[in-house]
Amino acid sequence: MQKVINFMAVFSFIGVASLTGMGIYIELNRDKLAEEYKQKVIGYITDLVSEELPGMVDGLVPDFTSPEMPVPTTTGPDIKLP
């Protein structure tokens, strides 16, 4: 029975030590980890937008334009400044 209790104590210690170690690592590298995560999210969003944008633009831009307007040959009178 003592061996089982000792095994459970060692296993518990290893679990607590690993959680403490991960917490310390995350706390010391928080800025770097946050920046990496932010860059991954920005890259993911950029990929999604770039994939969807051509389809959205193609649907919004008409295939034809209105008839050309004639180009004026003369302009209006001068605008007098005060």
PDB file of N, CA and C in Angstrom:
ATOM      1  N   MET A   1       0.822  -1.194   0.000  1.00  0.00           N
ATOM      2  CA  MET A   1       0.000   0.000   0.000  1.00  0.00           C
ATOM      3  C   MET A   1       0.873   1.268   0.000  1.00  0.00           C
ATOM      4  N   GLN A   2       1.979   1.220   0.721  1.00  0.00           N
ATOM      5  CA  GLN A   2       2.875   2.367   0.806  1.00  0.00           C
ATOM      6  C   GLN A   2       3.454   2.698  -0.578  1.00  0.00           C
ATOM      7  N   LYS A   3       3.730   1.664  -1.382  1.00  0.00           N
ATOM      8  CA  LYS A   3       4.285   1.892  -2.716  1.00  0.00           C
ATOM      9  C   LYS A   3       3.275   2.619  -3.605  1.00  0.00           C
ATOM     10  N   VAL A   4       2.003   2.275  -3.485  1.00  0.00           N
ATOM     11  CA  VAL A   4       0.960   2.933  -4.280  1.00  0.00           C
ATOM     12  C   VAL A   4       0.851   4.395  -3.887  1.00  0.00           C
ATOM     13  N   ILE A   5       0.884   4.655  -2.591  1.00  0.00           N
ATOM     14  CA  ILE A   5       0.792   6.049  -2.107  1.00  0.00           C
ATOM     15  C   ILE A   5       2.020   6.838  -2.549  1.00  0.00           C
ATOM     16  N   ASN A   6       3.209   6.225  -2.476  1.00  0.00           N
ATOM     17  CA  ASN A   6       4.434   6.911  -2.919  1.00  0.00           C
ATOM     18  C   ASN A   6       4.375   7.195  -4.422  1.00  0.00           C
ATOM     19  N   PHE A   7       3.862   6.240  -5.216  1.00  0.00           N
ATOM     20  CA  PHE A   7       3.725   6.454  -6.659  1.00  0.00           C
ATOM     21  C   PHE A   7       2.777   7.612  -6.944  1.00  0.00           C
ATOM     22  N   MET A   8       1.652   7.651  -6.226  1.00  0.00           N
ATOM     23  CA  MET A   8       0.687   8.742  -6.419  1.00  0.00           C
ATOM     24  C   MET A   8       1.299  10.086  -6.031  1.00  0.00           C
ATOM     25  N   ALA A   9       2.108  10.104  -4.981  1.00  0.00           N
ATOM     26  CA  ALA A   9       2.744  11.351  -4.556  1.00  0.00           C
ATOM     27  C   ALA A   9       3.754  11.821  -5.596  1.00  0.00           C
ATOM     28  N   VAL A  10       4.554  10.895  -6.124  1.00  0.00           N
ATOM     29  CA  VAL A  10       5.541  11.263  -7.148  1.00  0.00           C
ATOM     30  C   VAL A  10       4.826  11.732  -8.411  1.00  0.00           C
ATOM     31  N   PHE A  11       3.782  11.013  -8.816  1.00  0.00           N
ATOM     32  CA  PHE A  11       3.015  11.387 -10.003  1.00  0.00           C
ATOM     33  C   PHE A  11       2.383  12.765  -9.818  1.00  0.00           C
ATOM     34  N   SER A  12       1.864  13.038  -8.639  1.00  0.00           N
ATOM     35  CA  SER A  12       1.272  14.335  -8.342  1.00  0.00           C
ATOM     36  C   SER A  12       2.332  15.429  -8.387  1.00  0.00           C
ATOM     37  N   PHE A  13       3.516  15.145  -7.818  1.00  0.00           N
ATOM     38  CA  PHE A  13       4.592  16.128  -7.832  1.00  0.00           C
ATOM     39  C   PHE A  13       5.012  16.443  -9.267  1.00  0.00           C
ATOM     40  N   ILE A  14       5.127  15.411 -10.106  1.00  0.00           N
ATOM     41  CA  ILE A  14       5.522  15.621 -11.504  1.00  0.00           C
ATOM     42  C   ILE A  14       4.473  16.477 -12.224  1.00  0.00           C
ATOM     43  N   GLY A  15       3.201  16.211 -11.957  1.00  0.00           N
ATOM     44  CA  GLY A  15       2.139  17.002 -12.574  1.00  0.00           C
ATOM     45  C   GLY A  15       2.185  18.458 -12.150  1.00  0.00           C
ATOM     46  N   VAL A  16       2.332  18.696 -10.858  1.00  0.00           N
ATOM     47  CA  VAL A  16       2.384  20.070 -10.353  1.00  0.00           C
ATOM     48  C   VAL A  16       3.637  20.774 -10.855  1.00  0.00           C
ATOM     49  N   ALA A  17       4.761  20.080 -10.884  1.00  0.00           N
ATOM     50  CA  ALA A  17       6.005  20.689 -11.365  1.00  0.00           C
ATOM     51  C   ALA A  17       5.903  21.046 -12.844  1.00  0.00           C
ATOM     52  N   SER A  18       5.286  20.169 -13.630  1.00  0.00           N
ATOM     53  CA  SER A  18       5.169  20.484 -15.062  1.00  0.00           C
ATOM     54  C   SER A  18       4.223  21.651 -15.287  1.00  0.00           C
ATOM     55  N   LEU A  19       3.117  21.709 -14.554  1.00  0.00           N
ATOM     56  CA  LEU A  19       2.206  22.854 -14.682  1.00  0.00           C
ATOM     57  C   LEU A  19       2.887  24.154 -14.254  1.00  0.00           C
ATOM     58  N   THR A  20       3.668  24.087 -13.187  1.00  0.00           N
ATOM     59  CA  THR A  20       4.392  25.270 -12.730  1.00  0.00           C
ATOM     60  C   THR A  20       5.427  25.698 -13.771  1.00  0.00           C
ATOM     61  N   GLY A  21       6.131  24.728 -14.339  1.00  0.00           N
ATOM     62  CA  GLY A  21       7.124  25.040 -15.366  1.00  0.00           C
ATOM     63  C   GLY A  21       6.488  25.666 -16.594  1.00  0.00           C
ATOM     64  N   MET A  22       5.338  25.128 -17.032  1.00  0.00           N
ATOM     65  CA  MET A  22       4.646  25.711 -18.184  1.00  0.00           C
ATOM     66  C   MET A  22       4.165  27.125 -17.872  1.00  0.00           C
ATOM     67  N   GLY A  23       3.669  27.342 -16.666  1.00  0.00           N
ATOM     68  CA  GLY A  23       3.220  28.673 -16.276  1.00  0.00           C
ATOM     69  C   GLY A  23       4.349  29.678 -16.283  1.00  0.00           C
ATOM     70  N   ILE A  24       5.506  29.276 -15.767  1.00  0.00           N
ATOM     71  CA  ILE A  24       6.670  30.166 -15.748  1.00  0.00           C
ATOM     72  C   ILE A  24       7.130  30.456 -17.175  1.00  0.00           C
ATOM     73  N   TYR A  25       7.171  29.420 -18.030  1.00  0.00           N
ATOM     74  CA  TYR A  25       7.582  29.613 -19.421  1.00  0.00           C
ATOM     75  C   TYR A  25       6.641  30.579 -20.139  1.00  0.00           C
ATOM     76  N   ILE A  26       5.356  30.389 -19.955  1.00  0.00           N
ATOM     77  CA  ILE A  26       4.377  31.261 -20.615  1.00  0.00           C
ATOM     78  C   ILE A  26       4.499  32.687 -20.098  1.00  0.00           C
ATOM     79  N   GLU A  27       4.689  32.841 -18.807  1.00  0.00           N
ATOM     80  CA  GLU A  27       4.802  34.190 -18.246  1.00  0.00           C
ATOM     81  C   GLU A  27       6.057  34.901 -18.754  1.00  0.00           C
ATOM     82  N   LEU A  28       7.159  34.177 -18.867  1.00  0.00           N
ATOM     83  CA  LEU A  28       8.402  34.802 -19.326  1.00  0.00           C
ATOM     84  C   LEU A  28       8.378  35.108 -20.824  1.00  0.00           C
ATOM     85  N   ASN A  29       7.637  34.338 -21.596  1.00  0.00           N
ATOM     86  CA  ASN A  29       7.605  34.513 -23.054  1.00  0.00           C
ATOM     87  C   ASN A  29       6.254  35.007 -23.547  1.00  0.00           C
ATOM     88  N   ARG A  30       5.516  35.664 -22.695  1.00  0.00           N
ATOM     89  CA  ARG A  30       4.156  36.090 -23.031  1.00  0.00           C
ATOM     90  C   ARG A  30       4.121  37.008 -24.245  1.00  0.00           C
ATOM     91  N   ASP A  31       5.008  37.999 -24.296  1.00  0.00           N
ATOM     92  CA  ASP A  31       4.999  38.949 -25.411  1.00  0.00           C
ATOM     93  C   ASP A  31       5.306  38.258 -26.737  1.00  0.00           C
ATOM     94  N   LYS A  32       6.307  37.386 -26.727  1.00  0.00           N
ATOM     95  CA  LYS A  32       6.684  36.677 -27.955  1.00  0.00           C
ATOM     96  C   LYS A  32       5.554  35.752 -28.414  1.00  0.00           C
ATOM     97  N   LEU A  33       4.971  35.023 -27.480  1.00  0.00           N
ATOM     98  CA  LEU A  33       3.886  34.107 -27.830  1.00  0.00           C
ATOM     99  C   LEU A  33       2.672  34.868 -28.356  1.00  0.00           C
ATOM    100  N   ALA A  34       2.354  36.010 -27.744  1.00  0.00           N
ATOM    101  CA  ALA A  34       1.219  36.810 -28.197  1.00  0.00           C
ATOM    102  C   ALA A  34       1.467  37.350 -29.602  1.00  0.00           C
ATOM    103  N   GLU A  35       2.681  37.788 -29.869  1.00  0.00           N
ATOM    104  CA  GLU A  35       3.016  38.319 -31.194  1.00  0.00           C
ATOM    105  C   GLU A  35       2.942  37.216 -32.255  1.00  0.00           C
ATOM    106  N   GLU A  36       3.445  36.032 -31.925  1.00  0.00           N
ATOM    107  CA  GLU A  36       3.360  34.914 -32.876  1.00  0.00           C
ATOM    108  C   GLU A  36       1.907  34.557 -33.164  1.00  0.00           C
ATOM    109  N   TYR A  37       1.096  34.502 -32.120  1.00  0.00           N
ATOM    110  CA  TYR A  37      -0.315  34.171 -32.299  1.00  0.00           C
ATOM    111  C   TYR A  37      -1.012  35.243 -33.134  1.00  0.00           C
ATOM    112  N   LYS A  38      -0.686  36.514 -32.861  1.00  0.00           N
ATOM    113  CA  LYS A  38      -1.289  37.604 -33.616  1.00  0.00           C
ATOM    114  C   LYS A  38      -0.912  37.514 -35.095  1.00  0.00           C
ATOM    115  N   GLN A  39       0.335  37.197 -35.391  1.00  0.00           N
ATOM    116  CA  GLN A  39       0.765  37.072 -36.780  1.00  0.00           C
ATOM    117  C   GLN A  39       0.061  35.903 -37.475  1.00  0.00           C
ATOM    118  N   LYS A  40      -0.149  34.801 -36.744  1.00  0.00           N
ATOM    119  CA  LYS A  40      -0.869  33.665 -37.325  1.00  0.00           C
ATOM    120  C   LYS A  40      -2.308  34.044 -37.648  1.00  0.00           C
ATOM    121  N   VAL A  41      -2.948  34.764 -36.736  1.00  0.00           N
ATOM    122  CA  VAL A  41      -4.337  35.175 -36.962  1.00  0.00           C
ATOM    123  C   VAL A  41      -4.420  36.152 -38.127  1.00  0.00           C
ATOM    124  N   ILE A  42      -3.497  37.109 -38.202  1.00  0.00           N
ATOM    125  CA  ILE A  42      -3.488  38.071 -39.302  1.00  0.00           C
ATOM    126  C   ILE A  42      -3.272  37.345 -40.633  1.00  0.00           C
ATOM    127  N   GLY A  43      -2.356  36.383 -40.656  1.00  0.00           N
ATOM    128  CA  GLY A  43      -2.120  35.615 -41.868  1.00  0.00           C
ATOM    129  C   GLY A  43      -3.348  34.817 -42.280  1.00  0.00           C
ATOM    130  N   TYR A  44      -4.028  34.228 -41.306  1.00  0.00           N
ATOM    131  CA  TYR A  44      -5.233  33.448 -41.595  1.00  0.00           C
ATOM    132  C   TYR A  44      -6.326  34.349 -42.161  1.00  0.00           C
ATOM    133  N   ILE A  45      -6.527  35.509 -41.549  1.00  0.00           N
ATOM    134  CA  ILE A  45      -7.557  36.441 -42.017  1.00  0.00           C
ATOM    135  C   ILE A  45      -7.197  36.974 -43.404  1.00  0.00           C
ATOM    136  N   THR A  46      -5.923  37.273 -43.624  1.00  0.00           N
ATOM    137  CA  THR A  46      -5.485  37.756 -44.935  1.00  0.00           C
ATOM    138  C   THR A  46      -5.753  36.713 -46.013  1.00  0.00           C
ATOM    139  N   ASP A  47      -5.471  35.453 -45.704  1.00  0.00           N
ATOM    140  CA  ASP A  47      -5.741  34.386 -46.676  1.00  0.00           C
ATOM    141  C   ASP A  47      -7.229  34.285 -46.976  1.00  0.00           C
ATOM    142  N   LEU A  48      -8.050  34.361 -45.939  1.00  0.00           N
ATOM    143  CA  LEU A  48      -9.497  34.269 -46.155  1.00  0.00           C
ATOM    144  C   LEU A  48     -10.010  35.423 -47.013  1.00  0.00           C
ATOM    145  N   VAL A  49      -9.547  36.630 -46.705  1.00  0.00           N
ATOM    146  CA  VAL A  49     -10.009  37.798 -47.463  1.00  0.00           C
ATOM    147  C   VAL A  49      -9.522  37.725 -48.900  1.00  0.00           C
ATOM    148  N   SER A  50      -8.263  37.339 -49.101  1.00  0.00           N
ATOM    149  CA  SER A  50      -7.732  37.288 -50.468  1.00  0.00           C
ATOM    150  C   SER A  50      -8.413  36.195 -51.290  1.00  0.00           C
ATOM    151  N   GLU A  51      -8.863  35.121 -50.649  1.00  0.00           N
ATOM    152  CA  GLU A  51      -9.584  34.089 -51.377  1.00  0.00           C
ATOM    153  C   GLU A  51     -10.987  34.557 -51.763  1.00  0.00           C
ATOM    154  N   GLU A  52     -11.647  35.300 -50.895  1.00  0.00           N
ATOM    155  CA  GLU A  52     -13.021  35.718 -51.132  1.00  0.00           C
ATOM    156  C   GLU A  52     -13.118  37.001 -51.950  1.00  0.00           C
ATOM    157  N   LEU A  53     -12.105  37.840 -51.912  1.00  0.00           N
ATOM    158  CA  LEU A  53     -12.164  39.147 -52.558  1.00  0.00           C
ATOM    159  C   LEU A  53     -12.372  39.072 -54.068  1.00  0.00           C
ATOM    160  N   PRO A  54     -11.653  38.234 -54.805  1.00  0.00           N
ATOM    161  CA  PRO A  54     -11.894  38.217 -56.258  1.00  0.00           C
ATOM    162  C   PRO A  54     -13.339  37.866 -56.608  1.00  0.00           C
ATOM    163  N   GLY A  55     -13.919  36.916 -55.916  1.00  0.00           N
ATOM    164  CA  GLY A  55     -15.303  36.555 -56.187  1.00  0.00           C
ATOM    165  C   GLY A  55     -16.262  37.680 -55.861  1.00  0.00           C
ATOM    166  N   MET A  56     -15.991  38.394 -54.798  1.00  0.00           N
ATOM    167  CA  MET A  56     -16.855  39.506 -54.404  1.00  0.00           C
ATOM    168  C   MET A  56     -16.733  40.651 -55.409  1.00  0.00           C
ATOM    169  N   VAL A  57     -15.519  40.956 -55.828  1.00  0.00           N
ATOM    170  CA  VAL A  57     -15.304  42.062 -56.759  1.00  0.00           C
ATOM    171  C   VAL A  57     -15.895  41.729 -58.122  1.00  0.00           C
ATOM    172  N   ASP A  58     -15.716  40.491 -58.568  1.00  0.00           N
ATOM    173  CA  ASP A  58     -16.265  40.103 -59.874  1.00  0.00           C
ATOM    174  C   ASP A  58     -17.776  40.240 -59.897  1.00  0.00           C
ATOM    175  N   GLY A  59     -18.420  39.964 -58.784  1.00  0.00           N
ATOM    176  CA  GLY A  59     -19.870  40.073 -58.743  1.00  0.00           C
ATOM    177  C   GLY A  59     -20.351  41.510 -58.675  1.00  0.00           C
ATOM    178  N   LEU A  60     -19.538  42.436 -58.219  1.00  0.00           N
ATOM    179  CA  LEU A  60     -19.962  43.825 -58.052  1.00  0.00           C
ATOM    180  C   LEU A  60     -19.622  44.713 -59.240  1.00  0.00           C
ATOM    181  N   VAL A  61     -18.578  44.373 -59.974  1.00  0.00           N
ATOM    182  CA  VAL A  61     -18.153  45.207 -61.092  1.00  0.00           C
ATOM    183  C   VAL A  61     -18.934  44.782 -62.338  1.00  0.00           C
ATOM    184  N   PRO A  62     -19.600  45.739 -63.010  1.00  0.00           N
ATOM    185  CA  PRO A  62     -20.351  45.365 -64.208  1.00  0.00           C
ATOM    186  C   PRO A  62     -19.411  45.015 -65.360  1.00  0.00           C
ATOM    187  N   ASP A  63     -19.910  44.220 -66.279  1.00  0.00           N
ATOM    188  CA  ASP A  63     -19.112  43.813 -67.436  1.00  0.00           C
ATOM    189  C   ASP A  63     -19.058  44.899 -68.499  1.00  0.00           C
ATOM    190  N   PHE A  64     -19.948  45.842 -68.459  1.00  0.00           N
ATOM    191  CA  PHE A  64     -19.979  46.898 -69.464  1.00  0.00           C
ATOM    192  C   PHE A  64     -20.137  48.240 -68.760  1.00  0.00           C
ATOM    193  N   THR A  65     -19.856  49.278 -69.504  1.00  0.00           N
ATOM    194  CA  THR A  65     -20.022  50.627 -68.976  1.00  0.00           C
ATOM    195  C   THR A  65     -21.028  51.362 -69.840  1.00  0.00           C
ATOM    196  N   SER A  66     -21.404  52.526 -69.395  1.00  0.00           N
ATOM    197  CA  SER A  66     -22.358  53.317 -70.184  1.00  0.00           C
ATOM    198  C   SER A  66     -21.660  53.845 -71.437  1.00  0.00           C
ATOM    199  N   PRO A  67     -22.423  54.307 -72.412  1.00  0.00           N
ATOM    200  CA  PRO A  67     -21.807  54.842 -73.637  1.00  0.00           C
ATOM    201  C   PRO A  67     -20.887  56.019 -73.302  1.00  0.00           C
ATOM    202  N   GLU A  68     -19.894  56.168 -74.134  1.00  0.00           N
ATOM    203  CA  GLU A  68     -18.937  57.253 -73.905  1.00  0.00           C
ATOM    204  C   GLU A  68     -19.605  58.605 -74.082  1.00  0.00           C
ATOM    205  N   MET A  69     -19.178  59.532 -73.236  1.00  0.00           N
ATOM    206  CA  MET A  69     -19.663  60.909 -73.380  1.00  0.00           C
ATOM    207  C   MET A  69     -18.692  61.645 -74.292  1.00  0.00           C
ATOM    208  N   PRO A  70     -19.185  62.566 -75.082  1.00  0.00           N
ATOM    209  CA  PRO A  70     -18.274  63.307 -75.957  1.00  0.00           C
ATOM    210  C   PRO A  70     -17.325  64.176 -75.122  1.00  0.00           C
ATOM    211  N   VAL A  71     -16.110  64.267 -75.601  1.00  0.00           N
ATOM    212  CA  VAL A  71     -15.117  65.084 -74.915  1.00  0.00           C
ATOM    213  C   VAL A  71     -15.333  66.538 -75.312  1.00  0.00           C
ATOM    214  N   PRO A  72     -15.452  67.467 -74.341  1.00  0.00           N
ATOM    215  CA  PRO A  72     -15.679  68.874 -74.699  1.00  0.00           C
ATOM    216  C   PRO A  72     -14.472  69.460 -75.428  1.00  0.00           C
ATOM    217  N   THR A  73     -14.760  70.294 -76.400  1.00  0.00           N
ATOM    218  CA  THR A  73     -13.684  70.944 -77.159  1.00  0.00           C
ATOM    219  C   THR A  73     -13.365  72.321 -76.599  1.00  0.00           C
ATOM    220  N   THR A  74     -14.318  72.918 -75.870  1.00  0.00           N
ATOM    221  CA  THR A  74     -14.076  74.236 -75.263  1.00  0.00           C
ATOM    222  C   THR A  74     -14.429  74.150 -73.787  1.00  0.00           C
ATOM    223  N   THR A  75     -13.929  75.100 -73.061  1.00  0.00           N
ATOM    224  CA  THR A  75     -14.223  75.141 -71.637  1.00  0.00           C
ATOM    225  C   THR A  75     -15.046  76.381 -71.332  1.00  0.00           C
ATOM    226  N   GLY A  76     -15.503  76.494 -70.104  1.00  0.00           N
ATOM    227  CA  GLY A  76     -16.311  77.625 -69.704  1.00  0.00           C
ATOM    228  C   GLY A  76     -15.477  78.877 -69.469  1.00  0.00           C
ATOM    229  N   PRO A  77     -16.130  79.966 -69.045  1.00  0.00           N
ATOM    230  CA  PRO A  77     -15.409  81.211 -68.807  1.00  0.00           C
ATOM    231  C   PRO A  77     -14.498  81.094 -67.582  1.00  0.00           C
ATOM    232  N   ASP A  78     -13.570  82.053 -67.503  1.00  0.00           N
ATOM    233  CA  ASP A  78     -12.655  82.081 -66.368  1.00  0.00           C
ATOM    234  C   ASP A  78     -13.420  82.366 -65.088  1.00  0.00           C
ATOM    235  N   ILE A  79     -12.927  81.860 -63.985  1.00  0.00           N
ATOM    236  CA  ILE A  79     -13.499  82.159 -62.678  1.00  0.00           C
ATOM    237  C   ILE A  79     -12.675  83.283 -62.087  1.00  0.00           C
ATOM    238  N   LYS A  80     -13.351  84.364 -61.750  1.00  0.00           N
ATOM    239  CA  LYS A  80     -12.639  85.536 -61.205  1.00  0.00           C
ATOM    240  C   LYS A  80     -12.446  85.330 -59.701  1.00  0.00           C
ATOM    241  N   LEU A  81     -11.240  85.544 -59.276  1.00  0.00           N
ATOM    242  CA  LEU A  81     -10.923  85.459 -57.861  1.00  0.00           C
ATOM    243  C   LEU A  81     -11.001  86.840 -57.227  1.00  0.00           C
ATOM    244  N   PRO A  82     -11.413  86.927 -55.969  1.00  0.00           N
ATOM    245  CA  PRO A  82     -11.512  88.258 -55.342  1.00  0.00           C
ATOM    246  C   PRO A  82     -10.168  88.911 -55.127  1.00  0.00           C
TER     247      PRO A  82
END
